């Protein structure tokens, strides 16, 4: 895992500094250099990405990148990555005050949630009111809450996260 620091152009704004974690669960081989160039452009620094094979999707690769930059970097990265249909990724941007969490899959598109300082998804009053405005029946409310929490993205990305957990367990067994 590589940690990136802000470029010279961003150092003046460190008072807005956030830490971030980007996990690309699957990316086709042909997109890897384009992803790296895009990340370098957004983060303003050179990076060498350590790509590993992704056994869940043949011919695809995965990587994890930690970064430190200004608030809003995760949104820029998520916007850039969502343009490539075959990617599955998650990106968190955190500070003491909370942050943002983005998830994307080819089938579901992108999901954004606000998170608190502990990484929990924050459900706002507006989101609750919107769910209640659609309907008062239990099924509709449950579906609206599932949407706000991103449960469909969680279910779809779970097998890709398990690959990483399995690799850690194999290393511990050695």
N, C-alpha and C. Protein backbone atom coordinates (compact mmCIF):
# COMPACT_ATOMS: atom_id res chain seq x y z
N UNK A 1 0.85 -1.15 0.00
CA UNK A 1 0.00 0.00 0.00
C UNK A 1 0.90 1.23 0.00
N UNK A 2 0.60 2.17 -0.87
CA UNK A 2 1.41 3.36 -1.02
C UNK A 2 0.68 4.55 -0.45
N UNK A 3 1.39 5.41 0.30
CA UNK A 3 0.78 6.62 0.82
C UNK A 3 1.28 7.80 0.03
N UNK A 4 0.37 8.64 -0.41
CA UNK A 4 0.72 9.80 -1.21
C UNK A 4 0.52 11.06 -0.39
N UNK A 5 1.37 12.05 -0.62
CA UNK A 5 1.27 13.33 0.05
C UNK A 5 0.94 14.40 -0.97
N UNK A 6 0.34 15.49 -0.54
CA UNK A 6 -0.08 16.52 -1.48
C UNK A 6 1.08 17.16 -2.22
N UNK A 7 0.81 17.58 -3.43
CA UNK A 7 1.80 18.26 -4.25
C UNK A 7 2.04 19.66 -3.72
N UNK A 8 3.05 20.32 -4.27
CA UNK A 8 3.38 21.67 -3.87
C UNK A 8 2.20 22.61 -4.01
N UNK A 9 1.42 22.45 -5.06
CA UNK A 9 0.29 23.36 -5.29
C UNK A 9 -0.79 23.21 -4.23
N UNK A 10 -0.82 22.09 -3.53
CA UNK A 10 -1.85 21.88 -2.52
C UNK A 10 -1.37 22.12 -1.10
N UNK A 11 -0.07 22.32 -0.89
CA UNK A 11 0.45 22.44 0.48
C UNK A 11 -0.10 23.63 1.22
N UNK A 12 -0.43 24.72 0.54
CA UNK A 12 -0.95 25.91 1.21
C UNK A 12 -2.30 25.63 1.84
N UNK A 13 -3.00 24.64 1.35
CA UNK A 13 -4.35 24.37 1.81
C UNK A 13 -4.41 23.19 2.77
N UNK A 14 -3.29 22.90 3.46
CA UNK A 14 -3.29 21.76 4.36
C UNK A 14 -4.26 21.90 5.52
N UNK A 15 -4.71 23.12 5.79
CA UNK A 15 -5.70 23.28 6.85
C UNK A 15 -7.00 22.53 6.52
N UNK A 16 -7.20 22.21 5.24
CA UNK A 16 -8.35 21.43 4.81
C UNK A 16 -7.95 19.98 4.54
N UNK A 17 -6.84 19.57 5.07
CA UNK A 17 -6.27 18.26 4.75
C UNK A 17 -7.16 17.11 5.22
N UNK A 18 -7.24 16.10 4.38
CA UNK A 18 -7.98 14.88 4.69
C UNK A 18 -7.09 13.68 4.34
N UNK A 19 -7.41 12.56 4.93
CA UNK A 19 -6.76 11.32 4.53
C UNK A 19 -7.77 10.54 3.70
N UNK A 20 -7.26 9.72 2.83
CA UNK A 20 -8.15 8.96 1.98
C UNK A 20 -7.64 7.57 1.71
N UNK A 21 -8.56 6.72 1.34
CA UNK A 21 -8.24 5.34 0.98
C UNK A 21 -9.04 4.99 -0.26
N UNK A 22 -8.33 4.64 -1.31
CA UNK A 22 -8.95 4.18 -2.56
C UNK A 22 -8.67 2.70 -2.71
N UNK A 23 -9.72 1.92 -2.88
CA UNK A 23 -9.59 0.49 -3.15
C UNK A 23 -10.24 0.24 -4.50
N UNK A 24 -9.44 -0.12 -5.47
CA UNK A 24 -9.97 -0.54 -6.76
C UNK A 24 -10.05 -2.06 -6.70
N UNK A 25 -11.26 -2.57 -6.64
CA UNK A 25 -11.46 -4.02 -6.49
C UNK A 25 -11.24 -4.76 -7.79
N UNK A 26 -11.61 -4.16 -8.92
CA UNK A 26 -11.34 -4.82 -10.19
C UNK A 26 -11.25 -3.76 -11.29
N UNK A 27 -10.20 -3.91 -12.09
CA UNK A 27 -9.97 -3.04 -13.24
C UNK A 27 -9.35 -3.87 -14.35
N UNK A 28 -9.85 -3.74 -15.57
CA UNK A 28 -9.24 -4.46 -16.69
C UNK A 28 -7.78 -4.01 -16.89
N UNK A 29 -6.97 -4.92 -17.36
CA UNK A 29 -5.55 -4.64 -17.58
C UNK A 29 -5.34 -3.39 -18.43
N UNK A 30 -6.12 -3.22 -19.48
CA UNK A 30 -5.94 -2.10 -20.41
C UNK A 30 -6.18 -0.73 -19.75
N UNK A 31 -6.95 -0.69 -18.67
CA UNK A 31 -7.25 0.58 -18.02
C UNK A 31 -6.22 0.99 -16.97
N UNK A 32 -5.36 0.08 -16.57
CA UNK A 32 -4.44 0.38 -15.47
C UNK A 32 -3.61 1.64 -15.70
N UNK A 33 -2.94 1.81 -16.86
CA UNK A 33 -2.16 3.04 -17.02
C UNK A 33 -3.03 4.30 -17.04
N UNK A 34 -4.23 4.21 -17.58
CA UNK A 34 -5.12 5.36 -17.62
C UNK A 34 -5.56 5.76 -16.21
N UNK A 35 -5.82 4.77 -15.39
CA UNK A 35 -6.20 5.02 -13.99
C UNK A 35 -5.04 5.71 -13.27
N UNK A 36 -3.83 5.20 -13.46
CA UNK A 36 -2.66 5.80 -12.81
C UNK A 36 -2.46 7.24 -13.25
N UNK A 37 -2.58 7.51 -14.54
CA UNK A 37 -2.41 8.88 -15.05
C UNK A 37 -3.48 9.80 -14.46
N UNK A 38 -4.71 9.31 -14.41
CA UNK A 38 -5.80 10.12 -13.85
C UNK A 38 -5.57 10.44 -12.39
N UNK A 39 -5.13 9.45 -11.61
CA UNK A 39 -4.85 9.68 -10.19
C UNK A 39 -3.70 10.66 -9.99
N UNK A 40 -2.66 10.52 -10.81
CA UNK A 40 -1.52 11.44 -10.72
C UNK A 40 -1.96 12.86 -11.01
N UNK A 41 -2.83 13.03 -11.98
CA UNK A 41 -3.31 14.35 -12.35
C UNK A 41 -4.14 14.97 -11.22
N UNK A 42 -5.01 14.20 -10.61
CA UNK A 42 -5.87 14.70 -9.54
C UNK A 42 -5.08 14.99 -8.27
N UNK A 43 -4.20 14.06 -7.90
CA UNK A 43 -3.46 14.20 -6.65
C UNK A 43 -2.21 15.08 -6.80
N UNK A 44 -1.82 15.34 -8.03
CA UNK A 44 -0.69 16.24 -8.27
C UNK A 44 0.65 15.67 -7.85
N UNK A 45 0.79 14.35 -7.88
CA UNK A 45 2.05 13.72 -7.49
C UNK A 45 2.23 12.44 -8.29
N UNK A 46 3.47 12.04 -8.46
CA UNK A 46 3.80 10.80 -9.14
C UNK A 46 3.46 9.62 -8.24
N UNK A 47 2.98 8.54 -8.79
CA UNK A 47 2.75 7.35 -7.99
C UNK A 47 3.01 6.10 -8.80
N UNK A 48 3.46 5.09 -8.09
CA UNK A 48 3.64 3.77 -8.67
C UNK A 48 2.63 2.87 -7.96
N UNK A 49 1.75 2.30 -8.74
CA UNK A 49 0.66 1.50 -8.17
C UNK A 49 1.05 0.02 -8.21
N UNK A 50 0.84 -0.65 -7.10
CA UNK A 50 1.11 -2.07 -6.99
C UNK A 50 -0.19 -2.83 -7.30
N UNK A 51 -0.30 -3.33 -8.53
CA UNK A 51 -1.50 -4.04 -8.98
C UNK A 51 -1.35 -5.52 -8.69
N UNK A 52 -2.41 -6.15 -8.19
CA UNK A 52 -2.46 -7.59 -7.93
C UNK A 52 -3.61 -8.18 -8.74
N UNK A 53 -3.46 -9.43 -9.13
CA UNK A 53 -4.54 -10.09 -9.88
C UNK A 53 -5.80 -10.19 -9.03
N UNK A 54 -6.94 -10.03 -9.68
CA UNK A 54 -8.23 -10.15 -9.01
C UNK A 54 -8.86 -11.48 -9.44
N UNK A 55 -8.87 -12.48 -8.55
CA UNK A 55 -9.39 -13.79 -8.93
C UNK A 55 -10.91 -13.83 -9.16
N UNK A 56 -11.65 -12.86 -8.66
CA UNK A 56 -13.12 -12.86 -8.85
C UNK A 56 -13.53 -12.56 -10.28
N UNK A 57 -12.69 -11.82 -11.01
CA UNK A 57 -12.99 -11.45 -12.39
C UNK A 57 -11.73 -11.70 -13.21
N UNK A 58 -11.75 -12.71 -14.06
CA UNK A 58 -10.59 -13.05 -14.86
C UNK A 58 -10.07 -11.87 -15.68
N UNK A 59 -8.75 -11.70 -15.71
CA UNK A 59 -8.14 -10.64 -16.49
C UNK A 59 -8.22 -9.27 -15.86
N UNK A 60 -8.62 -9.21 -14.59
CA UNK A 60 -8.70 -7.91 -13.93
C UNK A 60 -7.72 -7.85 -12.76
N UNK A 61 -7.50 -6.63 -12.28
CA UNK A 61 -6.51 -6.38 -11.24
C UNK A 61 -7.12 -5.52 -10.14
N UNK A 62 -6.45 -5.53 -8.97
CA UNK A 62 -6.92 -4.77 -7.82
C UNK A 62 -5.74 -4.04 -7.18
N UNK A 63 -6.04 -2.98 -6.47
CA UNK A 63 -5.00 -2.23 -5.77
C UNK A 63 -5.62 -1.41 -4.66
N UNK A 64 -4.78 -0.98 -3.72
CA UNK A 64 -5.19 -0.11 -2.62
C UNK A 64 -4.19 1.03 -2.54
N UNK A 65 -4.71 2.25 -2.42
CA UNK A 65 -3.85 3.43 -2.35
C UNK A 65 -4.34 4.33 -1.22
N UNK A 66 -3.44 4.69 -0.31
CA UNK A 66 -3.74 5.68 0.71
C UNK A 66 -3.25 7.02 0.21
N UNK A 67 -3.97 8.08 0.54
CA UNK A 67 -3.53 9.41 0.12
C UNK A 67 -3.86 10.44 1.19
N UNK A 68 -3.17 11.55 1.12
CA UNK A 68 -3.43 12.71 1.97
C UNK A 68 -3.48 13.90 1.04
N UNK A 69 -4.60 14.61 1.04
CA UNK A 69 -4.75 15.73 0.12
C UNK A 69 -5.81 16.67 0.68
N UNK A 70 -6.35 17.54 -0.12
CA UNK A 70 -7.35 18.50 0.34
C UNK A 70 -8.75 17.91 0.22
N UNK A 71 -9.67 18.47 1.00
CA UNK A 71 -11.07 18.04 0.97
C UNK A 71 -11.60 18.15 -0.46
N UNK A 72 -12.33 17.13 -0.89
CA UNK A 72 -12.89 17.11 -2.23
C UNK A 72 -12.13 16.22 -3.20
N UNK A 73 -10.97 15.73 -2.79
CA UNK A 73 -10.17 14.87 -3.66
C UNK A 73 -10.89 13.56 -3.98
N UNK A 74 -11.56 12.99 -2.98
CA UNK A 74 -12.28 11.72 -3.21
C UNK A 74 -13.38 11.91 -4.25
N UNK A 75 -14.08 13.04 -4.20
CA UNK A 75 -15.13 13.30 -5.19
C UNK A 75 -14.54 13.40 -6.58
N UNK A 76 -13.40 14.06 -6.71
CA UNK A 76 -12.74 14.18 -8.02
C UNK A 76 -12.30 12.81 -8.54
N UNK A 77 -11.74 12.00 -7.64
CA UNK A 77 -11.28 10.67 -8.04
C UNK A 77 -12.48 9.80 -8.44
N UNK A 78 -13.54 9.82 -7.62
CA UNK A 78 -14.73 9.02 -7.93
C UNK A 78 -15.33 9.44 -9.27
N UNK A 79 -15.38 10.75 -9.53
CA UNK A 79 -15.93 11.24 -10.80
C UNK A 79 -15.10 10.77 -11.98
N UNK A 80 -13.77 10.79 -11.81
CA UNK A 80 -12.89 10.35 -12.89
C UNK A 80 -13.02 8.85 -13.14
N UNK A 81 -13.07 8.06 -12.07
CA UNK A 81 -13.12 6.61 -12.21
C UNK A 81 -14.47 6.09 -12.71
N UNK A 82 -15.55 6.77 -12.37
CA UNK A 82 -16.86 6.27 -12.77
C UNK A 82 -17.06 6.31 -14.28
N UNK A 83 -16.23 7.07 -14.98
CA UNK A 83 -16.31 7.13 -16.43
C UNK A 83 -15.88 5.85 -17.12
N UNK A 84 -15.16 4.99 -16.40
CA UNK A 84 -14.73 3.71 -16.95
C UNK A 84 -15.67 2.64 -16.42
N UNK A 85 -16.47 2.12 -17.30
CA UNK A 85 -17.59 1.24 -16.94
C UNK A 85 -17.16 -0.03 -16.19
N UNK A 86 -16.02 -0.58 -16.47
CA UNK A 86 -15.69 -1.91 -15.94
C UNK A 86 -15.01 -1.88 -14.57
N UNK A 87 -14.98 -0.75 -13.90
CA UNK A 87 -14.32 -0.65 -12.60
C UNK A 87 -15.27 -0.92 -11.45
N UNK A 88 -14.72 -1.53 -10.42
CA UNK A 88 -15.39 -1.65 -9.13
C UNK A 88 -14.44 -1.01 -8.13
N UNK A 89 -14.93 -0.01 -7.40
CA UNK A 89 -14.04 0.67 -6.47
C UNK A 89 -14.79 1.25 -5.29
N UNK A 90 -14.01 1.58 -4.26
CA UNK A 90 -14.50 2.29 -3.08
C UNK A 90 -13.46 3.35 -2.75
N UNK A 91 -13.92 4.50 -2.31
CA UNK A 91 -13.00 5.54 -1.89
C UNK A 91 -13.57 6.27 -0.69
N UNK A 92 -12.72 6.44 0.31
CA UNK A 92 -13.11 7.16 1.53
C UNK A 92 -12.22 8.38 1.66
N UNK A 93 -12.82 9.46 2.14
CA UNK A 93 -12.09 10.67 2.46
C UNK A 93 -12.52 11.04 3.88
N UNK A 94 -11.55 11.13 4.80
CA UNK A 94 -11.90 11.31 6.20
C UNK A 94 -11.08 12.41 6.87
N UNK A 95 -11.72 13.07 7.82
CA UNK A 95 -11.04 13.99 8.73
C UNK A 95 -11.69 13.78 10.10
N UNK A 96 -11.29 14.58 11.09
CA UNK A 96 -11.90 14.42 12.42
C UNK A 96 -13.39 14.72 12.37
N UNK A 97 -13.79 15.53 11.41
CA UNK A 97 -15.18 15.95 11.31
C UNK A 97 -16.05 15.00 10.51
N UNK A 98 -15.47 13.98 9.91
CA UNK A 98 -16.22 13.07 9.06
C UNK A 98 -15.69 13.13 7.65
N UNK A 99 -16.51 12.71 6.71
CA UNK A 99 -16.03 12.72 5.33
C UNK A 99 -17.06 12.13 4.39
N UNK A 100 -16.54 11.61 3.28
CA UNK A 100 -17.38 11.05 2.23
C UNK A 100 -16.92 9.64 1.89
N UNK A 101 -17.87 8.84 1.43
CA UNK A 101 -17.61 7.45 1.06
C UNK A 101 -18.31 7.20 -0.27
N UNK A 102 -17.54 6.79 -1.26
CA UNK A 102 -18.06 6.50 -2.60
C UNK A 102 -17.83 5.03 -2.91
N UNK A 103 -18.81 4.41 -3.58
CA UNK A 103 -18.69 3.04 -4.04
C UNK A 103 -19.25 2.98 -5.45
N UNK A 104 -18.63 2.16 -6.29
CA UNK A 104 -19.14 2.04 -7.66
C UNK A 104 -18.95 0.62 -8.18
N UNK A 105 -19.95 0.20 -8.94
CA UNK A 105 -19.88 -1.08 -9.65
C UNK A 105 -20.44 -0.84 -11.05
N UNK A 106 -20.07 -1.68 -12.01
CA UNK A 106 -20.61 -1.51 -13.36
C UNK A 106 -22.14 -1.63 -13.41
N UNK A 107 -22.71 -2.52 -12.62
CA UNK A 107 -24.15 -2.77 -12.66
C UNK A 107 -24.96 -1.71 -11.94
N UNK A 108 -24.44 -1.19 -10.82
CA UNK A 108 -25.21 -0.28 -9.98
C UNK A 108 -24.85 1.19 -10.16
N UNK A 109 -23.71 1.47 -10.75
CA UNK A 109 -23.26 2.85 -10.85
C UNK A 109 -22.58 3.28 -9.56
N UNK A 110 -22.68 4.57 -9.25
CA UNK A 110 -21.96 5.11 -8.11
C UNK A 110 -22.91 5.44 -6.97
N UNK A 111 -22.43 5.25 -5.74
CA UNK A 111 -23.18 5.58 -4.53
C UNK A 111 -22.30 6.47 -3.66
N UNK A 112 -22.89 7.53 -3.12
CA UNK A 112 -22.17 8.43 -2.22
C UNK A 112 -22.89 8.49 -0.89
N UNK A 113 -22.11 8.48 0.18
CA UNK A 113 -22.67 8.63 1.52
C UNK A 113 -21.73 9.50 2.35
N UNK A 114 -22.31 10.26 3.26
CA UNK A 114 -21.52 11.00 4.24
C UNK A 114 -21.20 10.05 5.38
N UNK A 115 -20.01 10.23 5.96
CA UNK A 115 -19.61 9.37 7.09
C UNK A 115 -19.16 10.26 8.25
N UNK A 116 -19.28 9.72 9.45
CA UNK A 116 -18.83 10.46 10.63
C UNK A 116 -17.35 10.16 10.88
N UNK A 117 -16.81 10.67 11.97
CA UNK A 117 -15.40 10.50 12.29
C UNK A 117 -14.98 9.06 12.51
N UNK A 118 -15.94 8.17 12.75
CA UNK A 118 -15.64 6.74 12.95
C UNK A 118 -15.85 5.92 11.69
N UNK A 119 -16.33 6.55 10.62
CA UNK A 119 -16.56 5.84 9.37
C UNK A 119 -17.96 5.30 9.20
N UNK A 120 -18.86 5.62 10.13
CA UNK A 120 -20.26 5.19 10.03
C UNK A 120 -21.00 6.07 9.02
N UNK A 121 -21.89 5.48 8.27
CA UNK A 121 -22.70 6.25 7.33
C UNK A 121 -23.69 7.10 8.12
N UNK A 122 -23.76 8.38 7.77
CA UNK A 122 -24.66 9.33 8.42
C UNK A 122 -25.92 9.47 7.56
N UNK A 123 -27.07 9.25 8.18
CA UNK A 123 -28.34 9.42 7.50
C UNK A 123 -28.93 10.75 7.98
N UNK A 124 -29.19 11.65 7.04
CA UNK A 124 -29.66 12.98 7.40
C UNK A 124 -31.17 13.04 7.53
N UNK A 125 -31.64 14.09 8.16
CA UNK A 125 -33.07 14.32 8.30
C UNK A 125 -33.72 14.41 6.92
N UNK A 126 -33.05 15.07 5.98
CA UNK A 126 -33.58 15.20 4.62
C UNK A 126 -33.78 13.83 3.97
N UNK A 127 -32.82 12.93 4.15
CA UNK A 127 -32.93 11.59 3.56
C UNK A 127 -34.09 10.81 4.18
N UNK A 128 -34.30 10.97 5.47
CA UNK A 128 -35.42 10.29 6.14
C UNK A 128 -36.74 10.85 5.64
N UNK A 129 -36.82 12.18 5.55
CA UNK A 129 -38.06 12.82 5.08
C UNK A 129 -38.38 12.40 3.64
N UNK A 130 -37.35 12.29 2.82
CA UNK A 130 -37.54 11.85 1.44
C UNK A 130 -38.07 10.42 1.39
N UNK A 131 -37.54 9.55 2.23
CA UNK A 131 -38.00 8.16 2.27
C UNK A 131 -39.45 8.09 2.71
N UNK A 132 -39.81 8.90 3.71
CA UNK A 132 -41.19 8.89 4.20
C UNK A 132 -42.15 9.53 3.21
N UNK A 133 -41.68 10.49 2.42
CA UNK A 133 -42.55 11.17 1.46
C UNK A 133 -42.97 10.24 0.33
N UNK A 134 -42.13 9.25 0.02
CA UNK A 134 -42.46 8.33 -1.07
C UNK A 134 -43.60 7.41 -0.70
N UNK A 135 -43.62 6.96 0.54
CA UNK A 135 -44.66 6.04 0.97
C UNK A 135 -44.49 5.74 2.44
N UNK A 136 -45.57 5.30 3.06
CA UNK A 136 -45.50 4.92 4.46
C UNK A 136 -45.49 3.41 4.68
N UNK A 137 -45.56 2.63 3.59
CA UNK A 137 -45.57 1.18 3.81
C UNK A 137 -44.15 0.71 4.14
N UNK A 138 -44.09 -0.34 4.91
CA UNK A 138 -42.81 -0.83 5.45
C UNK A 138 -41.81 -1.19 4.36
N UNK A 139 -42.24 -1.84 3.31
CA UNK A 139 -41.33 -2.28 2.24
C UNK A 139 -40.68 -1.08 1.56
N UNK A 140 -41.46 -0.05 1.25
CA UNK A 140 -40.92 1.14 0.60
C UNK A 140 -39.91 1.86 1.50
N UNK A 141 -40.21 1.94 2.77
CA UNK A 141 -39.30 2.60 3.71
C UNK A 141 -38.01 1.79 3.83
N UNK A 142 -38.12 0.48 3.91
CA UNK A 142 -36.92 -0.36 3.98
C UNK A 142 -36.06 -0.20 2.73
N UNK A 143 -36.70 -0.17 1.56
CA UNK A 143 -35.96 0.00 0.30
C UNK A 143 -35.26 1.35 0.25
N UNK A 144 -35.93 2.40 0.72
CA UNK A 144 -35.34 3.73 0.73
C UNK A 144 -34.14 3.79 1.67
N UNK A 145 -34.26 3.16 2.83
CA UNK A 145 -33.14 3.14 3.79
C UNK A 145 -31.99 2.31 3.23
N UNK A 146 -32.29 1.18 2.60
CA UNK A 146 -31.25 0.37 1.95
C UNK A 146 -30.50 1.19 0.91
N UNK A 147 -31.24 2.01 0.16
CA UNK A 147 -30.62 2.86 -0.86
C UNK A 147 -29.70 3.89 -0.21
N UNK A 148 -30.16 4.55 0.84
CA UNK A 148 -29.35 5.56 1.53
C UNK A 148 -28.07 4.93 2.09
N UNK A 149 -28.19 3.74 2.65
CA UNK A 149 -27.04 3.06 3.25
C UNK A 149 -26.14 2.40 2.20
N UNK A 150 -26.65 2.20 0.99
CA UNK A 150 -25.85 1.57 -0.05
C UNK A 150 -25.72 0.07 0.11
N UNK A 151 -26.75 -0.56 0.64
CA UNK A 151 -26.68 -2.00 0.91
C UNK A 151 -26.48 -2.85 -0.34
N UNK A 152 -27.04 -2.43 -1.47
CA UNK A 152 -26.84 -3.21 -2.71
C UNK A 152 -25.37 -3.16 -3.13
N UNK A 153 -24.71 -2.03 -2.94
CA UNK A 153 -23.28 -1.91 -3.26
C UNK A 153 -22.47 -2.78 -2.30
N UNK A 154 -22.86 -2.78 -1.03
CA UNK A 154 -22.18 -3.62 -0.05
C UNK A 154 -22.23 -5.09 -0.45
N UNK A 155 -23.41 -5.54 -0.84
CA UNK A 155 -23.58 -6.94 -1.24
C UNK A 155 -22.75 -7.28 -2.47
N UNK A 156 -22.73 -6.38 -3.43
CA UNK A 156 -22.00 -6.66 -4.66
C UNK A 156 -20.49 -6.61 -4.47
N UNK A 157 -20.00 -5.76 -3.58
CA UNK A 157 -18.55 -5.62 -3.38
C UNK A 157 -18.00 -6.61 -2.34
N UNK A 158 -18.86 -7.24 -1.56
CA UNK A 158 -18.42 -8.16 -0.51
C UNK A 158 -17.48 -9.26 -1.01
N UNK A 159 -17.77 -9.95 -2.12
CA UNK A 159 -16.84 -11.00 -2.57
C UNK A 159 -15.46 -10.46 -2.95
N UNK A 160 -15.41 -9.22 -3.41
CA UNK A 160 -14.12 -8.62 -3.78
C UNK A 160 -13.31 -8.26 -2.54
N UNK A 161 -13.99 -7.83 -1.47
CA UNK A 161 -13.30 -7.54 -0.21
C UNK A 161 -12.77 -8.84 0.41
N UNK A 162 -13.52 -9.91 0.25
CA UNK A 162 -13.11 -11.19 0.84
C UNK A 162 -11.80 -11.69 0.26
N UNK A 163 -11.51 -11.34 -0.99
CA UNK A 163 -10.23 -11.74 -1.60
C UNK A 163 -9.08 -11.17 -0.78
N UNK A 164 -9.20 -9.91 -0.40
CA UNK A 164 -8.15 -9.26 0.39
C UNK A 164 -8.04 -9.91 1.76
N UNK A 165 -9.16 -10.19 2.39
CA UNK A 165 -9.16 -10.83 3.70
C UNK A 165 -8.54 -12.21 3.62
N UNK A 166 -8.87 -12.97 2.56
CA UNK A 166 -8.29 -14.30 2.37
C UNK A 166 -6.78 -14.23 2.22
N UNK A 167 -6.27 -13.22 1.51
CA UNK A 167 -4.82 -13.07 1.32
C UNK A 167 -4.14 -12.79 2.65
N UNK A 168 -4.74 -11.95 3.48
CA UNK A 168 -4.19 -11.64 4.80
C UNK A 168 -4.15 -12.90 5.66
N UNK A 169 -5.23 -13.66 5.62
CA UNK A 169 -5.29 -14.90 6.41
C UNK A 169 -4.23 -15.90 5.95
N UNK A 170 -3.98 -15.99 4.64
CA UNK A 170 -2.94 -16.88 4.13
C UNK A 170 -1.57 -16.45 4.63
N UNK A 171 -1.32 -15.15 4.65
CA UNK A 171 -0.03 -14.65 5.14
C UNK A 171 0.15 -14.92 6.61
N UNK A 172 -0.91 -14.80 7.39
CA UNK A 172 -0.83 -15.07 8.82
C UNK A 172 -0.58 -16.54 9.11
N UNK A 173 -1.05 -17.40 8.20
CA UNK A 173 -0.88 -18.84 8.39
C UNK A 173 0.56 -19.28 8.14
N UNK A 174 1.31 -18.45 7.45
CA UNK A 174 2.70 -18.82 7.10
C UNK A 174 3.61 -18.70 8.29
